Amino acid sequence: MNTIPLRQTLTLVMIFVIISTGFILLDRRAALDPVRDGMTQVVAPVSSAFTDLVDRGEAPDELEVELARVTAERDELKRQNSRLKGDQRELESLRLEQDASKRHPDYEFTAANVIGGDATGAQMFIIIDRGSLDGVTKGMAITSPHYYVGQVAEVTEHTAKVMLIVDASQNVGAMLEDSRADGIVYGQLQLGGYLMMRHVEADVVPNENEWIVTSRFPATQTRQVPPDIPIGQVLGEPKVDTQTDSLVIEVRPGVSNFDDLRQVWIVTPKAGE
């Protein structure tokens, strides 16, 4: 094992003592101030960086608290906005219902939500959230509530299937509101159209955009469908069906888009009427 000789050890000790004494004397005379200042400039930024790291170790807690507060406020605003929208929809529904009741004081209008339809598009129908337990029966008229929508085709305890008037299987007794001539309106959607009114007397001259409403004449009125509910408007020039010697009138539906129906109304006679 190698060892340092005693002479060399004593020499190193003496050198250390001399250097230490020299530094002490220089420090007393402020001769080391430039060196100390230079070291301070190097060490201070490093110390500050470590301090920042320590401080930032506490920041996430404050940020998490603030984030939780903002998130809670946002969620509450969303809930309030949802409630306001629900209230607005309910008020609008009541307004429409009251307006329809004023136009047809002999009938009750009961709101129902649309909860489904034909996903295949082969038929035009909707499913509503009212059924036999709500007094719904087959054949009842459905409105928007201002415009005629269709009739109930099937009923379960809690739901009902409503065939829309634009479906090719549907028809309803109708009349020209101004001309007072009657006929039958047929669904045409699967045939490339929307609605067509047939069996109108050939000498009738409908007005442009004249409204066509559900019939009040016994010969053409559809059972369970109240009279005078708008179906749609005359579209274009009527044509003559030479086989029946009657007019064929294309009809623009009052409901602009049946796919957008979210709420409809079941129309029933008032009790005692």
Foldseek 3Di string as FASTA:
>chain_A
DDDDDPVVVVVVVVVVVVVVVVVVVCVVVVVCVVVVVVVCVVVVVVVVVVVVVVVVVPVVVVVVVVVVVVVVVVVVVVVVVVVVVVVVVVVVVVVVQVVLCVVPVQKHWAKWFFDAADPVPPFGKTKTFAFVCNVDDWFFWKPQPQATFATFHAGDHGMTIGGGQQTQVHKFWKAFPVQRWIFMKGHCVVVPAGIKTKDTALPDFHDFFTWMWGDPDPVGHRPNDDTDRTFFTFDDGWDADVVNRITMTGGDGPPPDSVPGGMMITMGGDPPD
